[in-house]
Amino acid sequence: MSLLRYLLDLLASLLRGRERRLRVLSQSPGYLALNKDFDLVINSDDPERPSLYKQIHHTFPHLSDFGRFKVPAEVCPHCRDYMRFLAPQHGFRVLHRLDYATSGVVVVPLTKQFNRSASRALQQRLARKFYVALVRGHVSQSLVSVCRAIGEVPENELRMTCPGLSDSCQRPRDAETRLAVLSWGVYDGYPATKVSLAYLYSVLRI
């Protein structure tokens, strides 16, 4: 692979990360609060795949932590250091994640101090996560507390399930979720309910 071809591929990858506008909700010296689009990963080792961190790097390149980039073995040795300098790896610390298909607020730490204090707040449940979802059908109760263990699905890392609902549920752990109905209506011709979900207790990533 030639140096020119590699640089062109890198530029194309970064441009793809700009296709969606980065929506900044709040910014401080310690963090960025962003509204992540749906169908977008937080970060990726694949230079061809768009990610939230590529978007951030394009908008705020001065905030990125440059790391060593995996340079293809075919590149001549004399160019490797220069290419590592040009290509950031992920560039930012990870405090928490949203799944690929989920849109919503992502807080990106910009300093070690903020990352440490925010991680502690999440671990000690001093900070809570809230989700808004649209579900098919009309939920009969306006407030529901769901106390069921949640486990992993080995054949699909993007899915989770509960014991008794799937034979493939592995490593289930206790979880409690509070569901509050926001509104009832119709979506795409079917009855639908807009709900707010608050994870009061969970030891899984959510």
C-alpha atoms as a PDB file:
ATOM      1  CA  MET A   1       0.000   0.000   0.000  1.00  0.00           C
ATOM      2  CA  SER A   2       1.448   3.351  -1.020  1.00  0.00           C
ATOM      3  CA  LEU A   3       1.666   6.300   1.336  1.00  0.00           C
ATOM      4  CA  LEU A   4      -0.579   8.399  -0.929  1.00  0.00           C
ATOM      5  CA  ARG A   5      -3.266   5.693  -1.062  1.00  0.00           C
ATOM      6  CA  TYR A   6      -3.199   5.253   2.699  1.00  0.00           C
ATOM      7  CA  LEU A   7      -3.535   8.997   3.327  1.00  0.00           C
ATOM      8  CA  LEU A   8      -6.415   9.245   0.843  1.00  0.00           C
ATOM      9  CA  ASP A   9      -8.219   6.369   2.574  1.00  0.00           C
ATOM     10  CA  LEU A  10      -7.669   8.036   5.942  1.00  0.00           C
ATOM     11  CA  LEU A  11      -9.041  11.350   4.660  1.00  0.00           C
ATOM     12  CA  ALA A  12     -12.107   9.600   3.188  1.00  0.00           C
ATOM     13  CA  SER A  13     -12.760   7.898   6.529  1.00  0.00           C
ATOM     14  CA  LEU A  14     -12.583  11.185   8.416  1.00  0.00           C
ATOM     15  CA  LEU A  15     -14.896  12.854   5.917  1.00  0.00           C
ATOM     16  CA  ARG A  16     -17.432  10.074   6.373  1.00  0.00           C
ATOM     17  CA  GLY A  17     -17.413  10.901  10.073  1.00  0.00           C
ATOM     18  CA  ARG A  18     -18.561  14.418   9.173  1.00  0.00           C
ATOM     19  CA  GLU A  19     -21.640  13.297   7.263  1.00  0.00           C
ATOM     20  CA  ARG A  20     -23.730  13.690  10.406  1.00  0.00           C
ATOM     21  CA  ARG A  21     -23.607  17.001  12.230  1.00  0.00           C
ATOM     22  CA  LEU A  22     -22.094  16.790  15.697  1.00  0.00           C
ATOM     23  CA  ARG A  23     -24.623  18.097  18.215  1.00  0.00           C
ATOM     24  CA  VAL A  24     -22.963  19.576  21.296  1.00  0.00           C
ATOM     25  CA  LEU A  25     -25.276  19.971  24.300  1.00  0.00           C
ATOM     26  CA  SER A  26     -22.707  21.287  26.777  1.00  0.00           C
ATOM     27  CA  GLN A  27     -18.970  21.918  26.881  1.00  0.00           C
ATOM     28  CA  SER A  28     -16.548  22.609  29.715  1.00  0.00           C
ATOM     29  CA  PRO A  29     -12.811  22.176  30.255  1.00  0.00           C
ATOM     30  CA  GLY A  30     -13.549  18.761  31.759  1.00  0.00           C
ATOM     31  CA  TYR A  31     -16.087  17.217  29.404  1.00  0.00           C
ATOM     32  CA  LEU A  32     -18.217  17.342  26.266  1.00  0.00           C
ATOM     33  CA  ALA A  33     -21.909  16.404  26.416  1.00  0.00           C
ATOM     34  CA  LEU A  34     -23.135  15.291  22.996  1.00  0.00           C
ATOM     35  CA  ASN A  35     -26.346  14.033  21.419  1.00  0.00           C
ATOM     36  CA  LYS A  36     -25.335  10.815  19.645  1.00  0.00           C
ATOM     37  CA  ASP A  37     -27.225   9.874  16.489  1.00  0.00           C
ATOM     38  CA  PHE A  38     -28.879   6.485  16.119  1.00  0.00           C
ATOM     39  CA  ASP A  39     -27.064   3.802  14.113  1.00  0.00           C
ATOM     40  CA  LEU A  40     -23.645   5.139  15.102  1.00  0.00           C
ATOM     41  CA  VAL A  41     -20.924   3.485  17.181  1.00  0.00           C
ATOM     42  CA  ILE A  42     -19.028   5.365  19.890  1.00  0.00           C
ATOM     43  CA  ASN A  43     -15.642   4.334  18.509  1.00  0.00           C
ATOM     44  CA  SER A  44     -14.204   1.679  16.250  1.00  0.00           C
ATOM     45  CA  ASP A  45     -10.841   0.154  15.347  1.00  0.00           C
ATOM     46  CA  ASP A  46     -12.030   0.062  11.730  1.00  0.00           C
ATOM     47  CA  PRO A  47     -10.807   3.263  10.017  1.00  0.00           C
ATOM     48  CA  GLU A  48     -13.560   2.856   7.414  1.00  0.00           C
ATOM     49  CA  ARG A  49     -16.420   2.926   9.922  1.00  0.00           C
ATOM     50  CA  PRO A  50     -18.002   6.252  10.972  1.00  0.00           C
ATOM     51  CA  SER A  51     -18.038   6.828  14.725  1.00  0.00           C
ATOM     52  CA  LEU A  52     -18.915   9.481  17.272  1.00  0.00           C
ATOM     53  CA  TYR A  53     -15.257   9.938  18.194  1.00  0.00           C
ATOM     54  CA  LYS A  54     -14.321  10.600  14.563  1.00  0.00           C
ATOM     55  CA  GLN A  55     -16.958  13.337  14.525  1.00  0.00           C
ATOM     56  CA  ILE A  56     -15.537  14.853  17.708  1.00  0.00           C
ATOM     57  CA  HIS A  57     -11.994  14.723  16.354  1.00  0.00           C
ATOM     58  CA  HIS A  58     -13.076  16.541  13.216  1.00  0.00           C
ATOM     59  CA  THR A  59     -14.867  19.285  15.141  1.00  0.00           C
ATOM     60  CA  PHE A  60     -12.441  19.577  18.072  1.00  0.00           C
ATOM     61  CA  PRO A  61      -9.064  18.215  16.869  1.00  0.00           C
ATOM     62  CA  HIS A  62      -7.221  20.147  19.598  1.00  0.00           C
ATOM     63  CA  LEU A  63      -9.072  18.173  22.299  1.00  0.00           C
ATOM     64  CA  SER A  64      -8.090  14.741  20.981  1.00  0.00           C
ATOM     65  CA  ASP A  65      -5.504  12.550  22.689  1.00  0.00           C
ATOM     66  CA  PHE A  66      -3.331  11.286  19.871  1.00  0.00           C
ATOM     67  CA  GLY A  67      -2.378   7.648  20.237  1.00  0.00           C
ATOM     68  CA  ARG A  68      -0.417   5.153  18.241  1.00  0.00           C
ATOM     69  CA  PHE A  69      -2.331   4.056  15.168  1.00  0.00           C
ATOM     70  CA  LYS A  70      -2.152   0.587  13.679  1.00  0.00           C
ATOM     71  CA  VAL A  71      -0.238   1.147  10.463  1.00  0.00           C
ATOM     72  CA  PRO A  72      -0.492  -1.540   7.752  1.00  0.00           C
ATOM     73  CA  ALA A  73       2.590  -3.725   7.534  1.00  0.00           C
ATOM     74  CA  GLU A  74       2.944  -2.976   3.803  1.00  0.00           C
ATOM     75  CA  VAL A  75       3.843   0.655   4.475  1.00  0.00           C
ATOM     76  CA  CYS A  76       7.534   1.426   4.177  1.00  0.00           C
ATOM     77  CA  PRO A  77       9.341   1.723   7.548  1.00  0.00           C
ATOM     78  CA  HIS A  78      10.401   5.312   6.886  1.00  0.00           C
ATOM     79  CA  CYS A  79       6.752   6.449   6.735  1.00  0.00           C
ATOM     80  CA  ARG A  80       5.402   4.636   9.780  1.00  0.00           C
ATOM     81  CA  ASP A  81       6.162   7.280  12.432  1.00  0.00           C
ATOM     82  CA  TYR A  82       4.759  10.065  10.266  1.00  0.00           C
ATOM     83  CA  MET A  83       1.545   8.146   9.602  1.00  0.00           C
ATOM     84  CA  ARG A  84       1.070   7.369  13.289  1.00  0.00           C
ATOM     85  CA  PHE A  85       1.348  11.073  13.988  1.00  0.00           C
ATOM     86  CA  LEU A  86      -1.375  11.855  11.426  1.00  0.00           C
ATOM     87  CA  ALA A  87      -3.817   9.161  12.508  1.00  0.00           C
ATOM     88  CA  PRO A  88      -5.442   9.288  15.968  1.00  0.00           C
ATOM     89  CA  GLN A  89      -6.644   5.985  17.376  1.00  0.00           C
ATOM     90  CA  HIS A  90      -9.839   6.800  19.281  1.00  0.00           C
ATOM     91  CA  GLY A  91      -8.612  10.063  20.707  1.00  0.00           C
ATOM     92  CA  PHE A  92     -10.952  10.307  23.726  1.00  0.00           C
ATOM     93  CA  ARG A  93     -11.654   8.507  26.973  1.00  0.00           C
ATOM     94  CA  VAL A  94     -14.790   6.359  27.376  1.00  0.00           C
ATOM     95  CA  LEU A  95     -16.979   7.049  30.421  1.00  0.00           C
ATOM     96  CA  HIS A  96     -20.096   5.158  29.323  1.00  0.00           C
ATOM     97  CA  ARG A  97     -21.641   3.855  26.103  1.00  0.00           C
ATOM     98  CA  LEU A  98     -24.835   3.863  24.117  1.00  0.00           C
ATOM     99  CA  ASP A  99     -25.607   0.967  21.818  1.00  0.00           C
ATOM    100  CA  TYR A 100     -25.216   1.374  18.068  1.00  0.00           C
ATOM    101  CA  ALA A 101     -28.953   1.759  17.454  1.00  0.00           C
ATOM    102  CA  THR A 102     -29.585   4.089  20.420  1.00  0.00           C
ATOM    103  CA  SER A 103     -29.535   7.871  20.196  1.00  0.00           C
ATOM    104  CA  GLY A 104     -29.070  10.110  23.211  1.00  0.00           C
ATOM    105  CA  VAL A 105     -26.674  11.944  25.509  1.00  0.00           C
ATOM    106  CA  VAL A 106     -23.049  10.803  25.689  1.00  0.00           C
ATOM    107  CA  VAL A 107     -20.634  12.469  28.107  1.00  0.00           C
ATOM    108  CA  VAL A 108     -17.020  12.409  26.904  1.00  0.00           C
ATOM    109  CA  PRO A 109     -14.345  13.155  29.543  1.00  0.00           C
ATOM    110  CA  LEU A 110     -11.581  15.521  28.471  1.00  0.00           C
ATOM    111  CA  THR A 111      -9.426  15.159  31.594  1.00  0.00           C
ATOM    112  CA  LYS A 112      -8.340  12.305  33.825  1.00  0.00           C
ATOM    113  CA  GLN A 113      -9.758  14.101  36.855  1.00  0.00           C
ATOM    114  CA  PHE A 114     -13.270  14.401  35.405  1.00  0.00           C
ATOM    115  CA  ASN A 115     -13.164  10.821  34.119  1.00  0.00           C
ATOM    116  CA  ARG A 116     -12.236   9.577  37.596  1.00  0.00           C
ATOM    117  CA  SER A 117     -14.919  11.557  39.452  1.00  0.00           C
ATOM    118  CA  ALA A 118     -17.670  10.789  36.894  1.00  0.00           C
ATOM    119  CA  SER A 119     -16.813   7.066  36.901  1.00  0.00           C
ATOM    120  CA  ARG A 120     -17.052   7.051  40.685  1.00  0.00           C
ATOM    121  CA  ALA A 121     -20.455   8.770  40.548  1.00  0.00           C
ATOM    122  CA  LEU A 122     -21.775   6.124  38.149  1.00  0.00           C
ATOM    123  CA  GLN A 123     -20.367   3.239  40.189  1.00  0.00           C
ATOM    124  CA  GLN A 124     -21.871   4.607  43.406  1.00  0.00           C
ATOM    125  CA  ARG A 125     -25.201   5.314  41.657  1.00  0.00           C
ATOM    126  CA  LEU A 126     -24.999   9.027  42.355  1.00  0.00           C
ATOM    127  CA  ALA A 127     -25.812   9.646  38.692  1.00  0.00           C
ATOM    128  CA  ARG A 128     -28.774   8.086  36.893  1.00  0.00           C
ATOM    129  CA  LYS A 129     -29.478   7.254  33.270  1.00  0.00           C
ATOM    130  CA  PHE A 130     -32.892   7.856  31.743  1.00  0.00           C
ATOM    131  CA  TYR A 131     -34.117   6.512  28.420  1.00  0.00           C
ATOM    132  CA  VAL A 132     -37.149   7.392  26.322  1.00  0.00           C
ATOM    133  CA  ALA A 133     -38.590   4.585  24.203  1.00  0.00           C
ATOM    134  CA  LEU A 134     -41.553   4.012  21.917  1.00  0.00           C
ATOM    135  CA  VAL A 135     -43.114   0.573  22.434  1.00  0.00           C
ATOM    136  CA  ARG A 136     -45.862  -1.131  20.482  1.00  0.00           C
ATOM    137  CA  GLY A 137     -49.164  -1.478  22.312  1.00  0.00           C
ATOM    138  CA  HIS A 138     -50.715   0.521  25.151  1.00  0.00           C
ATOM    139  CA  VAL A 139     -49.112  -0.024  28.554  1.00  0.00           C
ATOM    140  CA  SER A 140     -52.008  -0.425  31.013  1.00  0.00           C
ATOM    141  CA  GLN A 141     -50.269   1.091  34.072  1.00  0.00           C
ATOM    142  CA  SER A 142     -48.766   4.573  34.232  1.00  0.00           C
ATOM    143  CA  LEU A 143     -45.915   3.493  36.536  1.00  0.00           C
ATOM    144  CA  VAL A 144     -44.276   0.068  36.560  1.00  0.00           C
ATOM    145  CA  SER A 145     -41.303  -1.248  38.519  1.00  0.00           C
ATOM    146  CA  VAL A 146     -39.494  -4.113  36.762  1.00  0.00           C
ATOM    147  CA  CYS A 147     -37.267  -6.230  39.012  1.00  0.00           C
ATOM    148  CA  ARG A 148     -35.780  -8.927  36.805  1.00  0.00           C
ATOM    149  CA  ALA A 149     -32.274 -10.151  36.243  1.00  0.00           C
ATOM    150  CA  ILE A 150     -30.681  -9.300  32.906  1.00  0.00           C
ATOM    151  CA  GLY A 151     -28.221 -11.562  31.100  1.00  0.00           C
ATOM    152  CA  GLU A 152     -26.168 -11.696  27.941  1.00  0.00           C
ATOM    153  CA  VAL A 153     -26.888 -13.417  24.624  1.00  0.00           C
ATOM    154  CA  PRO A 154     -23.590 -15.067  23.590  1.00  0.00           C
ATOM    155  CA  GLU A 155     -24.360 -15.238  19.880  1.00  0.00           C
ATOM    156  CA  ASN A 156     -25.295 -11.533  19.693  1.00  0.00           C
ATOM    157  CA  GLU A 157     -23.289  -9.017  21.733  1.00  0.00           C
ATOM    158  CA  LEU A 158     -25.838  -6.262  20.985  1.00  0.00           C
ATOM    159  CA  ARG A 159     -28.701  -8.103  22.708  1.00  0.00           C
ATOM    160  CA  MET A 160     -29.605  -8.807  26.328  1.00  0.00           C
ATOM    161  CA  THR A 161     -32.407 -10.940  27.721  1.00  0.00           C
ATOM    162  CA  CYS A 162     -33.970 -12.184  30.959  1.00  0.00           C
ATOM    163  CA  PRO A 163     -33.847 -15.702  32.429  1.00  0.00           C
ATOM    164  CA  GLY A 164     -36.958 -17.607  31.419  1.00  0.00           C
ATOM    165  CA  LEU A 165     -37.443 -15.597  28.239  1.00  0.00           C
ATOM    166  CA  SER A 166     -34.526 -17.183  26.413  1.00  0.00           C
ATOM    167  CA  ASP A 167     -32.606 -20.424  26.835  1.00  0.00           C
ATOM    168  CA  SER A 168     -29.437 -18.627  25.725  1.00  0.00           C
ATOM    169  CA  CYS A 169     -29.425 -16.148  28.639  1.00  0.00           C
ATOM    170  CA  GLN A 170     -26.024 -16.285  30.327  1.00  0.00           C
ATOM    171  CA  ARG A 171     -24.543 -14.607  33.409  1.00  0.00           C
ATOM    172  CA  PRO A 172     -27.803 -12.964  34.569  1.00  0.00           C
ATOM    173  CA  ARG A 173     -27.395 -10.198  37.138  1.00  0.00           C
ATOM    174  CA  ASP A 174     -29.883  -8.340  39.286  1.00  0.00           C
ATOM    175  CA  ALA A 175     -31.436  -5.193  37.818  1.00  0.00           C
ATOM    176  CA  GLU A 176     -34.300  -2.829  38.634  1.00  0.00           C
ATOM    177  CA  THR A 177     -35.953  -0.527  36.099  1.00  0.00           C
ATOM    178  CA  ARG A 178     -38.674   2.069  36.680  1.00  0.00           C
ATOM    179  CA  LEU A 179     -41.028   2.607  33.709  1.00  0.00           C
ATOM    180  CA  ALA A 180     -43.238   5.703  33.552  1.00  0.00           C
ATOM    181  CA  VAL A 181     -45.772   6.287  30.782  1.00  0.00           C
ATOM    182  CA  LEU A 182     -45.392   9.651  29.058  1.00  0.00           C
ATOM    183  CA  SER A 183     -48.192   9.324  26.524  1.00  0.00           C
ATOM    184  CA  TRP A 184     -50.384   6.885  24.608  1.00  0.00           C
ATOM    185  CA  GLY A 185     -51.083   7.134  20.897  1.00  0.00           C
ATOM    186  CA  VAL A 186     -50.726   5.520  17.485  1.00  0.00           C
ATOM    187  CA  TYR A 187     -47.529   5.035  15.489  1.00  0.00           C
ATOM    188  CA  ASP A 188     -47.399   3.657  11.953  1.00  0.00           C
ATOM    189  CA  GLY A 189     -50.986   2.425  12.291  1.00  0.00           C
ATOM    190  CA  TYR A 190     -50.404   0.531  15.558  1.00  0.00           C
ATOM    191  CA  PRO A 191     -51.202   1.469  19.172  1.00  0.00           C
ATOM    192  CA  ALA A 192     -48.034   2.755  20.831  1.00  0.00           C
ATOM    193  CA  THR A 193     -46.846   4.054  24.202  1.00  0.00           C
ATOM    194  CA  LYS A 194     -44.078   6.558  24.823  1.00  0.00           C
ATOM    195  CA  VAL A 195     -42.292   5.640  28.040  1.00  0.00           C
ATOM    196  CA  SER A 196     -39.439   6.856  30.213  1.00  0.00           C
ATOM    197  CA  LEU A 197     -37.079   4.197  31.610  1.00  0.00           C
ATOM    198  CA  ALA A 198     -34.911   4.817  34.661  1.00  0.00           C
ATOM    199  CA  TYR A 199     -32.326   2.192  35.588  1.00  0.00           C
ATOM    200  CA  LEU A 200     -32.340   2.320  39.367  1.00  0.00           C
ATOM    201  CA  TYR A 201     -29.968  -0.572  39.756  1.00  0.00           C
ATOM    202  CA  SER A 202     -27.973  -2.583  37.266  1.00  0.00           C
ATOM    203  CA  VAL A 203     -24.522  -4.094  37.125  1.00  0.00           C
ATOM    204  CA  LEU A 204     -24.581  -4.483  33.345  1.00  0.00           C
ATOM    205  CA  ARG A 205     -23.602  -1.896  30.777  1.00  0.00           C
ATOM    206  CA  ILE A 206     -26.703  -0.004  29.608  1.00  0.00           C
END
